[in-house]
Amino acid sequence: MLFVLATCNAESNLDIHSDSSEMSDVMQDSMASEPMDNVRGNSTNRGGHAMLTFDDGPHPQTTPLLLKQLKSAGVEKAIFFLVGDRITKYPDLVKTIDSAGYAIGYHSMNHRNQVGMTAKEINEDIQRFKLVLNNVLKKRYQLEYARPPFGGMSTQTAKIFLKLEKEGKLHTKNIISPQFVQKIVANKIRKVYMKNRLKIFLWNIDFNDWEQRIDLKHAKNKFNSSKEQYWLFHEMPMYKNKVFDNHITEDMPKLLKIICSISIC
């Protein structure tokens, strides 16, 4: 059985306090987070898992096929981090995700970088997202998971994050632990999300599929058999002011086959 999640990535440009001691803390971070059995299922196997996360949907060119591919691969749990504007545009796809049993996460209303927003604006964005989602699903959806656009990182913490990635250390980190999130995500964003009871998901592996196709070799090379990792993918992301087709539905079956050969399916 394969377990999967869905999310987004980016960079930001507003500084929050950070110094060399914080960088050291992040480099050494290995704190465990609370179990997420409602996402993972109730498996007692604590070996390596590749958790797939999809951002920026829904989109008619990708979402239906991705859902079919995940089901065919035996994926029972997944999180799709959606954008509010696309929820409004493609309501039937949101209903399909929900009826398929996959979770929906918050990825903002219009993918605006929240580092440059006030706490009040961020909170209003979350409330609008909830309202739009509830109206589409015709129920009060229990929204639990979130990923800030561009990771909600300041210029300084983005450098720390990229340093971990370049040094090959990011794929071993527990990126959903409160300790790691506190060091990376801007305090303003993190506090507003906490008040709304939203758990922040960053990512261990970024395939840069907002500007290129998925590198399947990268998937094998970065998988850690002793860790639980969160892999970042995008559905028809906006790049240079236009929608970029990364052909994810063509590459996902091949990727799922690789994951099943090295992870738990």
Foldseek 3Di string as FASTA:
>chain_A
DAFAEADAAAAAAADDDDDPVLLVCLLPDADDADDDCVRRPPDPDQWEHEYEHEEADDDPVPLVLVLVLCVVLVHQEYEYAYAQCRCVVCLVSLLVCVVSPYHYEHAWHHLDQCLPPALVVLLVRVVVSQVSSCVSNVHRDDHAAYAYRNRQFHNVLVVSQVVCVVVLNLLAHPCQHPSNSVSGHDPSNVVSCVVVNYRYDDFSEEQPLQAEAGDLVVLVVSGDGHYYGYYHDYDQDQDPNHTDCRVCSVCVSVNSVVSVVRHPD
